[in-house]
N, C-alpha and C. Protein backbone atom coordinates (compact mmCIF):
# COMPACT_ATOMS: atom_id res chain seq x y z
N MET A 1 125.42 146.30 62.38
CA MET A 1 126.08 145.02 62.14
C MET A 1 126.16 144.21 63.43
N ILE A 2 125.76 142.96 63.38
CA ILE A 2 125.80 142.07 64.54
C ILE A 2 127.12 141.31 64.54
N ARG A 3 127.90 141.49 65.61
CA ARG A 3 129.22 140.86 65.70
C ARG A 3 129.10 139.56 66.48
N VAL A 4 129.65 138.48 65.89
CA VAL A 4 129.46 137.14 66.44
C VAL A 4 130.80 136.49 66.78
N LEU A 5 130.90 135.98 68.00
CA LEU A 5 132.05 135.19 68.42
C LEU A 5 131.68 133.71 68.30
N ILE A 6 132.46 132.96 67.55
CA ILE A 6 132.21 131.53 67.34
C ILE A 6 133.08 130.72 68.29
N VAL A 7 132.44 129.84 69.07
CA VAL A 7 133.17 129.02 70.03
C VAL A 7 132.90 127.55 69.74
N ASP A 8 133.94 126.83 69.31
CA ASP A 8 133.82 125.40 69.02
C ASP A 8 135.23 124.82 69.00
N ASP A 9 135.38 123.60 69.52
CA ASP A 9 136.72 123.01 69.57
C ASP A 9 137.15 122.36 68.27
N HIS A 10 136.28 122.36 67.27
CA HIS A 10 136.65 121.80 65.97
C HIS A 10 136.88 122.92 64.96
N ALA A 11 138.09 122.98 64.45
CA ALA A 11 138.47 124.06 63.53
C ALA A 11 137.59 124.07 62.28
N ILE A 12 137.24 122.89 61.79
CA ILE A 12 136.45 122.83 60.56
C ILE A 12 135.05 123.40 60.78
N VAL A 13 134.51 123.22 61.99
CA VAL A 13 133.20 123.79 62.31
C VAL A 13 133.30 125.31 62.38
N ARG A 14 134.35 125.80 63.06
CA ARG A 14 134.53 127.25 63.16
C ARG A 14 134.68 127.87 61.77
N ARG A 15 135.43 127.21 60.93
CA ARG A 15 135.67 127.74 59.59
C ARG A 15 134.36 127.78 58.79
N GLY A 16 133.57 126.72 58.91
CA GLY A 16 132.31 126.67 58.18
C GLY A 16 131.34 127.75 58.66
N LEU A 17 131.28 127.96 59.96
CA LEU A 17 130.39 128.99 60.50
C LEU A 17 130.87 130.38 60.11
N ALA A 18 132.18 130.59 60.11
CA ALA A 18 132.72 131.89 59.70
C ALA A 18 132.36 132.18 58.24
N GLN A 19 132.45 131.16 57.40
CA GLN A 19 132.08 131.33 56.00
C GLN A 19 130.60 131.61 55.86
N LEU A 20 129.80 130.97 56.72
CA LEU A 20 128.36 131.20 56.68
C LEU A 20 128.04 132.65 57.03
N LEU A 21 128.70 133.19 58.04
CA LEU A 21 128.49 134.60 58.41
C LEU A 21 128.87 135.51 57.24
N GLY A 22 129.89 135.09 56.50
CA GLY A 22 130.36 135.90 55.39
C GLY A 22 129.39 136.00 54.23
N THR A 23 128.35 135.17 54.24
CA THR A 23 127.36 135.23 53.16
C THR A 23 126.27 136.25 53.45
N THR A 24 126.34 136.89 54.63
CA THR A 24 125.30 137.85 55.03
C THR A 24 125.83 139.28 54.95
N THR A 25 124.91 140.23 55.02
CA THR A 25 125.31 141.65 55.03
C THR A 25 125.12 142.28 56.40
N ASP A 26 124.49 141.53 57.34
CA ASP A 26 124.21 142.12 58.66
C ASP A 26 124.93 141.42 59.81
N LEU A 27 125.69 140.36 59.49
CA LEU A 27 126.42 139.63 60.51
C LEU A 27 127.90 139.61 60.16
N GLU A 28 128.75 139.74 61.17
CA GLU A 28 130.18 139.66 60.90
C GLU A 28 130.89 138.90 62.01
N LEU A 29 132.04 138.33 61.68
CA LEU A 29 132.82 137.55 62.62
C LEU A 29 133.59 138.48 63.56
N ALA A 30 133.35 138.30 64.88
CA ALA A 30 134.08 139.10 65.88
C ALA A 30 135.32 138.36 66.36
N GLY A 31 135.33 137.04 66.19
CA GLY A 31 136.47 136.25 66.64
C GLY A 31 136.10 134.79 66.76
N GLU A 32 137.10 133.95 67.07
CA GLU A 32 136.89 132.52 67.23
C GLU A 32 137.58 132.05 68.50
N ALA A 33 137.04 130.98 69.09
CA ALA A 33 137.66 130.40 70.29
C ALA A 33 137.50 128.89 70.21
N ALA A 34 138.53 128.16 70.67
CA ALA A 34 138.54 126.71 70.57
C ALA A 34 138.14 126.00 71.86
N ASP A 35 137.97 126.76 72.94
CA ASP A 35 137.51 126.15 74.20
C ASP A 35 136.89 127.24 75.07
N GLY A 36 136.34 126.81 76.21
CA GLY A 36 135.63 127.75 77.06
C GLY A 36 136.50 128.85 77.62
N ARG A 37 137.70 128.50 78.02
CA ARG A 37 138.58 129.51 78.61
C ARG A 37 138.94 130.58 77.57
N GLU A 38 139.24 130.14 76.36
CA GLU A 38 139.55 131.10 75.30
C GLU A 38 138.32 131.93 74.95
N ALA A 39 137.14 131.31 75.06
CA ALA A 39 135.90 132.03 74.77
C ALA A 39 135.71 133.19 75.74
N VAL A 40 135.99 132.96 77.02
CA VAL A 40 135.86 134.01 78.02
C VAL A 40 136.83 135.15 77.71
N GLU A 41 138.07 134.79 77.37
CA GLU A 41 139.09 135.79 77.06
C GLU A 41 138.71 136.60 75.81
N GLN A 42 138.27 135.89 74.76
CA GLN A 42 137.92 136.57 73.51
C GLN A 42 136.68 137.46 73.70
N ALA A 43 135.71 136.96 74.46
CA ALA A 43 134.50 137.76 74.69
C ALA A 43 134.84 139.05 75.42
N SER A 44 135.71 138.95 76.43
CA SER A 44 136.10 140.14 77.18
C SER A 44 136.84 141.13 76.29
N ARG A 45 137.63 140.61 75.37
CA ARG A 45 138.44 141.47 74.50
C ARG A 45 137.61 142.04 73.34
N GLN A 46 136.79 141.20 72.70
CA GLN A 46 136.09 141.61 71.49
C GLN A 46 134.69 142.19 71.76
N ARG A 47 134.11 141.87 72.92
CA ARG A 47 132.77 142.34 73.30
C ARG A 47 131.76 142.12 72.16
N PRO A 48 131.54 140.85 71.77
CA PRO A 48 130.62 140.56 70.67
C PRO A 48 129.17 140.79 71.07
N ASP A 49 128.32 140.93 70.07
CA ASP A 49 126.89 141.01 70.33
C ASP A 49 126.32 139.63 70.66
N VAL A 50 126.84 138.62 69.97
CA VAL A 50 126.36 137.25 70.15
C VAL A 50 127.55 136.30 70.27
N VAL A 51 127.43 135.35 71.21
CA VAL A 51 128.40 134.26 71.30
C VAL A 51 127.68 133.00 70.83
N LEU A 52 128.19 132.39 69.77
CA LEU A 52 127.65 131.13 69.26
C LEU A 52 128.45 130.02 69.93
N MET A 53 127.85 129.35 70.90
CA MET A 53 128.59 128.53 71.86
C MET A 53 128.34 127.03 71.73
N ASP A 54 129.42 126.27 71.53
CA ASP A 54 129.36 124.82 71.65
C ASP A 54 129.39 124.48 73.14
N LEU A 55 128.99 123.28 73.52
CA LEU A 55 128.97 122.92 74.93
C LEU A 55 130.09 121.97 75.34
N SER A 56 130.34 120.95 74.54
CA SER A 56 131.34 119.95 74.91
C SER A 56 132.71 120.34 74.37
N MET A 57 133.58 120.82 75.27
CA MET A 57 134.92 121.26 74.88
C MET A 57 135.89 120.88 75.98
N PRO A 58 137.16 120.72 75.63
CA PRO A 58 138.15 120.39 76.65
C PRO A 58 138.35 121.54 77.64
N GLY A 59 138.74 121.20 78.87
CA GLY A 59 138.98 122.24 79.87
C GLY A 59 137.67 122.82 80.35
N LEU A 60 137.52 124.12 80.21
CA LEU A 60 136.29 124.80 80.61
C LEU A 60 135.20 124.53 79.58
N ASP A 61 134.10 123.90 80.01
CA ASP A 61 133.05 123.57 79.05
C ASP A 61 132.17 124.78 78.74
N GLY A 62 131.24 124.57 77.81
CA GLY A 62 130.43 125.68 77.35
C GLY A 62 129.53 126.28 78.40
N VAL A 63 128.93 125.45 79.26
CA VAL A 63 128.02 125.97 80.28
C VAL A 63 128.75 126.89 81.24
N ARG A 64 129.91 126.44 81.72
CA ARG A 64 130.67 127.29 82.65
C ARG A 64 131.19 128.54 81.95
N ALA A 65 131.52 128.42 80.67
CA ALA A 65 131.96 129.59 79.92
C ALA A 65 130.83 130.61 79.79
N ILE A 66 129.60 130.13 79.57
CA ILE A 66 128.45 131.03 79.49
C ILE A 66 128.32 131.83 80.78
N THR A 67 128.41 131.12 81.91
CA THR A 67 128.27 131.78 83.21
C THR A 67 129.32 132.87 83.38
N ARG A 68 130.56 132.57 83.02
CA ARG A 68 131.65 133.53 83.21
C ARG A 68 131.52 134.71 82.26
N ILE A 69 131.13 134.44 81.02
CA ILE A 69 130.99 135.53 80.05
C ILE A 69 129.89 136.50 80.48
N LEU A 70 128.75 135.96 80.88
CA LEU A 70 127.63 136.82 81.23
C LEU A 70 127.84 137.55 82.55
N ALA A 71 128.73 137.02 83.40
CA ALA A 71 129.05 137.72 84.64
C ALA A 71 129.80 139.02 84.34
N VAL A 72 130.55 139.02 83.24
CA VAL A 72 131.34 140.19 82.84
C VAL A 72 130.60 141.04 81.81
N LEU A 73 129.88 140.36 80.91
CA LEU A 73 129.18 141.05 79.81
C LEU A 73 127.71 140.66 79.82
N PRO A 74 126.94 141.17 80.76
CA PRO A 74 125.54 140.75 80.91
C PRO A 74 124.65 141.08 79.72
N ASP A 75 125.07 142.03 78.87
CA ASP A 75 124.25 142.40 77.72
C ASP A 75 124.56 141.57 76.47
N THR A 76 125.56 140.69 76.57
CA THR A 76 125.90 139.82 75.44
C THR A 76 124.87 138.70 75.34
N HIS A 77 124.53 138.33 74.12
CA HIS A 77 123.57 137.25 73.89
C HIS A 77 124.32 135.96 73.60
N VAL A 78 123.86 134.86 74.17
CA VAL A 78 124.50 133.56 73.94
C VAL A 78 123.50 132.63 73.27
N LEU A 79 123.91 132.08 72.14
CA LEU A 79 123.12 131.09 71.41
C LEU A 79 123.92 129.80 71.37
N VAL A 80 123.39 128.76 71.96
CA VAL A 80 124.08 127.46 71.96
C VAL A 80 123.90 126.79 70.61
N LEU A 81 124.99 126.25 70.08
CA LEU A 81 124.95 125.45 68.85
C LEU A 81 125.78 124.20 69.13
N THR A 82 125.10 123.08 69.33
CA THR A 82 125.79 121.88 69.80
C THR A 82 125.18 120.63 69.16
N SER A 83 125.80 119.49 69.44
CA SER A 83 125.28 118.21 68.94
C SER A 83 124.40 117.51 69.96
N PHE A 84 124.35 118.03 71.19
CA PHE A 84 123.70 117.33 72.29
C PHE A 84 122.28 117.85 72.53
N SER A 85 121.35 116.90 72.72
CA SER A 85 119.97 117.28 72.97
C SER A 85 119.42 116.64 74.24
N ASP A 86 120.31 116.22 75.17
CA ASP A 86 119.83 115.62 76.40
C ASP A 86 119.36 116.70 77.37
N GLN A 87 118.47 116.32 78.26
CA GLN A 87 117.81 117.29 79.13
C GLN A 87 118.79 118.08 79.99
N ASN A 88 119.75 117.40 80.62
CA ASN A 88 120.66 118.10 81.53
C ASN A 88 121.43 119.20 80.82
N ARG A 89 121.95 118.90 79.63
CA ARG A 89 122.74 119.92 78.91
C ARG A 89 121.87 121.11 78.52
N ILE A 90 120.67 120.83 78.04
CA ILE A 90 119.80 121.91 77.62
C ILE A 90 119.44 122.80 78.81
N LEU A 91 119.02 122.18 79.91
CA LEU A 91 118.63 122.97 81.07
C LEU A 91 119.81 123.69 81.70
N ASP A 92 120.97 123.03 81.75
CA ASP A 92 122.16 123.68 82.30
C ASP A 92 122.50 124.94 81.50
N ALA A 93 122.46 124.83 80.17
CA ALA A 93 122.82 125.97 79.33
C ALA A 93 121.83 127.12 79.49
N LEU A 94 120.54 126.81 79.51
CA LEU A 94 119.54 127.85 79.65
C LEU A 94 119.57 128.48 81.03
N HIS A 95 119.80 127.67 82.07
CA HIS A 95 119.93 128.21 83.42
C HIS A 95 121.16 129.11 83.54
N ALA A 96 122.21 128.78 82.78
CA ALA A 96 123.42 129.60 82.82
C ALA A 96 123.23 130.94 82.13
N GLY A 97 122.19 131.06 81.29
CA GLY A 97 121.92 132.34 80.65
C GLY A 97 121.83 132.32 79.14
N ALA A 98 121.98 131.14 78.52
CA ALA A 98 121.81 131.06 77.06
C ALA A 98 120.38 131.44 76.70
N GLU A 99 120.21 132.14 75.59
CA GLU A 99 118.89 132.60 75.17
C GLU A 99 118.29 131.74 74.07
N GLY A 100 119.08 130.82 73.54
CA GLY A 100 118.57 129.93 72.51
C GLY A 100 119.41 128.67 72.47
N TYR A 101 118.85 127.62 71.86
CA TYR A 101 119.53 126.32 71.83
C TYR A 101 119.23 125.64 70.50
N LEU A 102 120.25 125.58 69.64
CA LEU A 102 120.10 124.94 68.34
C LEU A 102 121.07 123.77 68.22
N LEU A 103 120.70 122.81 67.37
CA LEU A 103 121.56 121.65 67.14
C LEU A 103 122.31 121.82 65.81
N LYS A 104 123.47 121.18 65.73
CA LYS A 104 124.35 121.40 64.59
C LYS A 104 123.81 120.87 63.28
N HIS A 105 122.78 120.03 63.33
CA HIS A 105 122.21 119.57 62.07
C HIS A 105 121.21 120.57 61.50
N ALA A 106 121.05 121.71 62.19
CA ALA A 106 120.12 122.74 61.71
C ALA A 106 120.55 123.27 60.35
N GLU A 107 119.58 123.71 59.59
CA GLU A 107 119.87 124.32 58.29
C GLU A 107 120.63 125.63 58.50
N PRO A 108 121.53 125.97 57.58
CA PRO A 108 122.31 127.22 57.72
C PRO A 108 121.43 128.43 57.98
N GLU A 109 120.30 128.55 57.29
CA GLU A 109 119.44 129.72 57.47
C GLU A 109 118.82 129.74 58.87
N THR A 110 118.61 128.54 59.46
CA THR A 110 118.07 128.47 60.82
C THR A 110 119.08 129.04 61.81
N ILE A 111 120.36 128.74 61.59
CA ILE A 111 121.41 129.26 62.46
C ILE A 111 121.50 130.78 62.34
N LEU A 112 121.49 131.28 61.11
CA LEU A 112 121.57 132.72 60.90
C LEU A 112 120.35 133.43 61.50
N SER A 113 119.19 132.82 61.31
CA SER A 113 117.97 133.41 61.89
C SER A 113 118.01 133.38 63.40
N GLY A 114 118.62 132.32 63.98
CA GLY A 114 118.74 132.21 65.43
C GLY A 114 119.61 133.31 66.00
N ILE A 115 120.69 133.63 65.31
CA ILE A 115 121.57 134.71 65.76
C ILE A 115 120.82 136.03 65.78
N ARG A 116 120.10 136.28 64.73
CA ARG A 116 119.32 137.54 64.66
C ARG A 116 118.23 137.55 65.72
N ALA A 117 117.64 136.39 65.97
CA ALA A 117 116.52 136.32 66.91
C ALA A 117 116.94 136.65 68.33
N VAL A 118 118.10 136.15 68.78
CA VAL A 118 118.49 136.42 70.17
C VAL A 118 118.78 137.90 70.37
N VAL A 119 119.30 138.55 69.34
CA VAL A 119 119.56 140.00 69.43
C VAL A 119 118.24 140.76 69.51
N ALA A 120 117.22 140.24 68.83
CA ALA A 120 115.92 140.91 68.80
C ALA A 120 115.06 140.56 70.01
N GLY A 121 115.60 139.74 70.92
CA GLY A 121 114.85 139.39 72.11
C GLY A 121 114.13 138.06 72.04
N GLY A 122 114.38 137.29 70.98
CA GLY A 122 113.74 135.99 70.83
C GLY A 122 114.52 134.88 71.50
N SER A 123 113.93 133.69 71.52
CA SER A 123 114.57 132.51 72.12
C SER A 123 114.45 131.33 71.17
N PRO A 124 115.30 131.28 70.15
CA PRO A 124 115.21 130.18 69.17
C PRO A 124 115.57 128.84 69.80
N LEU A 125 114.71 127.87 69.63
CA LEU A 125 114.93 126.54 70.21
C LEU A 125 114.72 125.47 69.15
N ASP A 126 115.65 124.53 69.11
CA ASP A 126 115.44 123.35 68.30
C ASP A 126 114.21 122.62 68.85
N PRO A 127 113.40 121.99 68.00
CA PRO A 127 112.21 121.29 68.50
C PRO A 127 112.50 120.29 69.62
N LYS A 128 113.65 119.60 69.56
CA LYS A 128 113.99 118.67 70.64
C LYS A 128 114.20 119.41 71.95
N ALA A 129 114.86 120.57 71.88
CA ALA A 129 115.08 121.36 73.09
C ALA A 129 113.76 121.87 73.65
N ALA A 130 112.85 122.27 72.77
CA ALA A 130 111.55 122.75 73.21
C ALA A 130 110.78 121.65 73.93
N ARG A 131 110.85 120.43 73.40
CA ARG A 131 110.16 119.31 74.05
C ARG A 131 110.74 119.03 75.43
N VAL A 132 112.07 119.13 75.54
CA VAL A 132 112.72 118.91 76.83
C VAL A 132 112.22 119.93 77.85
N LEU A 133 112.10 121.19 77.44
CA LEU A 133 111.63 122.22 78.35
C LEU A 133 110.20 121.95 78.81
N LEU A 134 109.36 121.52 77.89
CA LEU A 134 107.99 121.21 78.27
C LEU A 134 107.94 120.04 79.24
N THR A 135 108.77 119.03 78.99
CA THR A 135 108.81 117.87 79.88
C THR A 135 109.35 118.24 81.25
N SER A 136 110.36 119.11 81.28
CA SER A 136 110.98 119.48 82.56
C SER A 136 110.01 120.23 83.46
N ARG A 137 109.03 120.90 82.87
CA ARG A 137 108.05 121.61 83.68
C ARG A 137 107.12 120.63 84.41
N ARG A 138 106.97 119.44 83.81
CA ARG A 138 106.11 118.44 84.42
C ARG A 138 106.88 117.52 85.37
N THR A 139 108.19 117.37 85.12
CA THR A 139 109.00 116.46 85.90
C THR A 139 110.10 117.23 86.62
N PRO A 140 110.09 117.29 87.95
CA PRO A 140 111.14 118.01 88.67
C PRO A 140 112.52 117.49 88.30
N ARG A 141 113.45 118.37 88.10
CA ARG A 141 114.82 118.01 87.75
C ARG A 141 115.56 117.45 88.95
N PRO A 142 116.35 116.37 88.78
CA PRO A 142 117.14 115.85 89.90
C PRO A 142 117.98 116.96 90.53
N GLY A 143 117.88 117.10 91.83
CA GLY A 143 118.66 118.10 92.54
C GLY A 143 118.01 119.46 92.62
N ALA A 144 116.83 119.61 91.99
CA ALA A 144 116.21 120.93 91.94
C ALA A 144 115.81 121.44 93.32
N HIS A 145 115.55 120.52 94.25
CA HIS A 145 115.06 120.94 95.55
C HIS A 145 116.10 120.75 96.66
N LEU A 146 117.36 120.61 96.30
CA LEU A 146 118.40 120.53 97.32
C LEU A 146 118.48 121.84 98.08
N THR A 147 118.65 121.76 99.39
CA THR A 147 118.86 122.97 100.18
C THR A 147 120.28 123.47 99.94
N ASP A 148 120.55 124.71 100.34
CA ASP A 148 121.90 125.25 100.18
C ASP A 148 122.92 124.41 100.94
N ARG A 149 122.55 123.93 102.13
CA ARG A 149 123.48 123.10 102.89
C ARG A 149 123.76 121.79 102.16
N GLU A 150 122.72 121.19 101.59
CA GLU A 150 122.91 119.94 100.84
C GLU A 150 123.78 120.18 99.61
N ARG A 151 123.62 121.34 98.98
CA ARG A 151 124.46 121.68 97.84
C ARG A 151 125.93 121.81 98.26
N GLU A 152 126.15 122.44 99.41
CA GLU A 152 127.51 122.57 99.92
C GLU A 152 128.13 121.21 100.16
N VAL A 153 127.39 120.34 100.83
CA VAL A 153 127.89 119.00 101.13
C VAL A 153 128.18 118.26 99.83
N LEU A 154 127.29 118.35 98.87
CA LEU A 154 127.46 117.64 97.61
C LEU A 154 128.65 118.17 96.82
N ARG A 155 128.85 119.49 96.84
CA ARG A 155 130.04 120.05 96.17
C ARG A 155 131.31 119.47 96.76
N MET A 156 131.35 119.36 98.09
CA MET A 156 132.54 118.84 98.75
C MET A 156 132.74 117.35 98.47
N VAL A 157 131.64 116.62 98.37
CA VAL A 157 131.74 115.21 97.98
C VAL A 157 132.32 115.12 96.56
N GLY A 158 131.85 116.01 95.69
CA GLY A 158 132.38 116.05 94.33
C GLY A 158 133.86 116.39 94.29
N ASP A 159 134.33 117.14 95.30
CA ASP A 159 135.75 117.48 95.38
C ASP A 159 136.57 116.38 96.04
N GLY A 160 135.89 115.31 96.48
CA GLY A 160 136.59 114.16 97.04
C GLY A 160 136.82 114.22 98.54
N LEU A 161 136.16 115.12 99.25
CA LEU A 161 136.38 115.24 100.69
C LEU A 161 135.61 114.16 101.45
N PRO A 162 136.20 113.56 102.48
CA PRO A 162 135.49 112.60 103.33
C PRO A 162 134.55 113.32 104.28
N ASN A 163 133.65 112.56 104.89
CA ASN A 163 132.66 113.16 105.79
C ASN A 163 133.29 113.95 106.92
N LYS A 164 134.38 113.43 107.47
CA LYS A 164 135.02 114.10 108.60
C LYS A 164 135.49 115.49 108.19
N SER A 165 136.10 115.61 107.01
CA SER A 165 136.59 116.91 106.54
C SER A 165 135.43 117.86 106.23
N ILE A 166 134.34 117.31 105.65
CA ILE A 166 133.17 118.13 105.36
C ILE A 166 132.58 118.68 106.65
N ALA A 167 132.48 117.81 107.66
CA ALA A 167 131.92 118.24 108.94
C ALA A 167 132.77 119.35 109.56
N ARG A 168 134.07 119.19 109.50
CA ARG A 168 134.97 120.19 110.08
C ARG A 168 134.85 121.52 109.35
N ARG A 169 134.80 121.49 108.03
CA ARG A 169 134.72 122.73 107.25
C ARG A 169 133.40 123.47 107.48
N LEU A 170 132.32 122.71 107.64
CA LEU A 170 131.01 123.34 107.79
C LEU A 170 130.63 123.59 109.25
N GLY A 171 131.43 123.06 110.16
CA GLY A 171 131.13 123.25 111.57
C GLY A 171 129.92 122.47 112.03
N ILE A 172 129.72 121.29 111.45
CA ILE A 172 128.60 120.43 111.82
C ILE A 172 129.14 119.05 112.16
N SER A 173 128.28 118.18 112.66
CA SER A 173 128.72 116.85 113.05
C SER A 173 128.74 115.91 111.85
N GLU A 174 129.50 114.82 111.96
CA GLU A 174 129.52 113.82 110.88
C GLU A 174 128.15 113.21 110.71
N ARG A 175 127.43 113.05 111.82
CA ARG A 175 126.08 112.49 111.73
C ARG A 175 125.19 113.37 110.87
N THR A 176 125.35 114.70 111.02
CA THR A 176 124.55 115.62 110.22
C THR A 176 124.96 115.55 108.75
N VAL A 177 126.24 115.41 108.49
CA VAL A 177 126.71 115.24 107.11
C VAL A 177 126.06 114.01 106.49
N LYS A 178 126.05 112.91 107.23
CA LYS A 178 125.45 111.68 106.72
C LYS A 178 123.96 111.86 106.45
N ALA A 179 123.29 112.62 107.33
CA ALA A 179 121.86 112.87 107.13
C ALA A 179 121.63 113.67 105.85
N HIS A 180 122.47 114.68 105.62
CA HIS A 180 122.36 115.46 104.38
C HIS A 180 122.58 114.56 103.17
N LEU A 181 123.59 113.69 103.25
CA LEU A 181 123.89 112.82 102.11
C LEU A 181 122.75 111.85 101.83
N THR A 182 122.11 111.36 102.87
CA THR A 182 120.97 110.47 102.67
C THR A 182 119.88 111.17 101.88
N SER A 183 119.62 112.44 102.23
CA SER A 183 118.63 113.23 101.50
C SER A 183 119.08 113.48 100.07
N VAL A 184 120.36 113.78 99.89
CA VAL A 184 120.91 114.03 98.56
C VAL A 184 120.76 112.79 97.68
N TYR A 185 121.15 111.62 98.20
CA TYR A 185 121.05 110.38 97.42
C TYR A 185 119.61 110.16 96.94
N HIS A 186 118.68 110.39 97.85
CA HIS A 186 117.27 110.17 97.51
C HIS A 186 116.83 111.11 96.39
N GLN A 187 117.20 112.39 96.50
CA GLN A 187 116.76 113.37 95.50
C GLN A 187 117.40 113.17 94.14
N LEU A 188 118.65 112.71 94.14
CA LEU A 188 119.35 112.52 92.87
C LEU A 188 119.05 111.16 92.25
N GLY A 189 118.48 110.25 93.04
CA GLY A 189 118.22 108.91 92.52
C GLY A 189 119.48 108.08 92.41
N VAL A 190 120.47 108.34 93.30
CA VAL A 190 121.70 107.56 93.31
C VAL A 190 121.75 106.74 94.60
N THR A 191 122.70 105.80 94.65
CA THR A 191 122.73 104.90 95.81
C THR A 191 124.01 104.99 96.62
N ASP A 192 125.00 105.71 96.13
CA ASP A 192 126.24 105.75 96.90
C ASP A 192 127.01 107.05 96.64
N ARG A 193 128.08 107.20 97.39
CA ARG A 193 128.91 108.41 97.35
C ARG A 193 129.55 108.63 95.99
N THR A 194 130.01 107.56 95.36
CA THR A 194 130.68 107.69 94.06
C THR A 194 129.74 108.24 93.01
N GLN A 195 128.52 107.71 92.97
CA GLN A 195 127.54 108.21 92.01
C GLN A 195 127.19 109.67 92.27
N ALA A 196 127.06 110.02 93.55
CA ALA A 196 126.76 111.41 93.90
C ALA A 196 127.90 112.33 93.49
N ALA A 197 129.15 111.88 93.69
CA ALA A 197 130.31 112.69 93.33
C ALA A 197 130.36 112.92 91.82
N LEU A 198 130.06 111.88 91.05
CA LEU A 198 130.06 112.01 89.60
C LEU A 198 128.98 112.99 89.15
N TRP A 199 127.80 112.91 89.79
CA TRP A 199 126.72 113.84 89.47
C TRP A 199 127.17 115.27 89.75
N ALA A 200 127.80 115.47 90.91
CA ALA A 200 128.24 116.81 91.31
C ALA A 200 129.26 117.36 90.32
N GLN A 201 130.19 116.52 89.87
CA GLN A 201 131.22 116.96 88.94
C GLN A 201 130.64 117.32 87.58
N ARG A 202 129.59 116.60 87.18
CA ARG A 202 128.96 116.90 85.89
C ARG A 202 128.16 118.19 85.94
N GLN A 203 127.54 118.49 87.07
CA GLN A 203 126.61 119.60 87.14
C GLN A 203 127.27 120.96 87.29
N GLY A 204 128.42 121.03 87.98
CA GLY A 204 129.13 122.30 88.10
C GLY A 204 128.30 123.39 88.73
N GLN A 205 127.94 124.44 87.92
CA GLN A 205 127.32 125.63 88.47
C GLN A 205 125.92 125.37 89.00
N VAL A 206 125.33 124.22 88.70
CA VAL A 206 124.01 123.91 89.22
C VAL A 206 124.04 123.84 90.74
N LEU A 207 125.23 123.59 91.30
CA LEU A 207 125.36 123.45 92.75
C LEU A 207 125.69 124.76 93.44
N GLU A 208 125.66 125.87 92.72
CA GLU A 208 125.89 127.15 93.37
C GLU A 208 124.76 127.45 94.34
N PRO A 209 125.03 128.17 95.44
CA PRO A 209 123.97 128.50 96.40
C PRO A 209 122.83 129.25 95.73
N THR A 210 121.64 129.11 96.29
CA THR A 210 120.46 129.75 95.71
C THR A 210 120.15 131.08 96.35
N ASP A 211 121.10 131.63 97.14
CA ASP A 211 120.96 132.95 97.75
C ASP A 211 119.73 133.05 98.65
N ASN A 212 119.54 132.02 99.46
CA ASN A 212 118.42 132.04 100.38
C ASN A 212 118.81 132.64 101.73
N GLY A 213 119.97 133.27 101.79
CA GLY A 213 120.41 133.85 103.05
C GLY A 213 121.43 132.96 103.72
N PRO A 214 121.95 133.40 104.87
CA PRO A 214 122.98 132.64 105.57
C PRO A 214 122.45 131.32 106.07
N LEU A 215 123.35 130.33 106.11
CA LEU A 215 122.97 129.03 106.58
C LEU A 215 123.15 128.94 108.09
N PRO A 216 122.13 128.48 108.79
CA PRO A 216 122.29 128.31 110.24
C PRO A 216 123.11 127.08 110.54
N GLY A 217 123.69 127.03 111.73
CA GLY A 217 124.36 125.82 112.13
C GLY A 217 123.33 124.72 112.27
N ASP A 218 123.63 123.55 111.70
CA ASP A 218 122.61 122.51 111.70
C ASP A 218 123.17 121.21 112.25
N GLY A 219 124.06 121.29 113.15
CA GLY A 219 124.53 120.04 113.70
C GLY A 219 125.52 120.28 114.77
């Protein structure tokens, strides 16, 4: 029996999905969660085989919840079920560890088949998500080539720190901070600090270090 944790901030959606699971003989409800934080708690407690994860939720969103769940339960499978088909959300979810990405307008049997597929090692993708992945291979993602130092600076900009505080925390000069930001603006396609900060706040775990080793002093 495949045990499924349903994560969605709309009670009517959770209820409908629970009823859908009830029409099968090989899938069962392991629990429900209304937001990302509750999803992490329920996953740790119930240890489901599959987490059926929405992305847009209050507080801790779905992408960050995926990261936290898989850090504790690496063998759990995550299947995204959401209304959003934009490139950033799809790539963020898959980079976080989701194994499939379906949209809520999918047919009930497609959702059930998707749950079974991730357990069997498959990667069910809505056609829109598949097209995004193909396009992303041809077009570098904004921020994909940021250095670890640039990621650090951008995270701090997203936290609202001024250049002077960033320089002090990193042990580099303000001039070096400004140089990093100039590179960041160019790579993200933004023109000012506010736009960069908003990008940083939206991306979250995308700005985690890439484990390229210790950062040398650069200023």
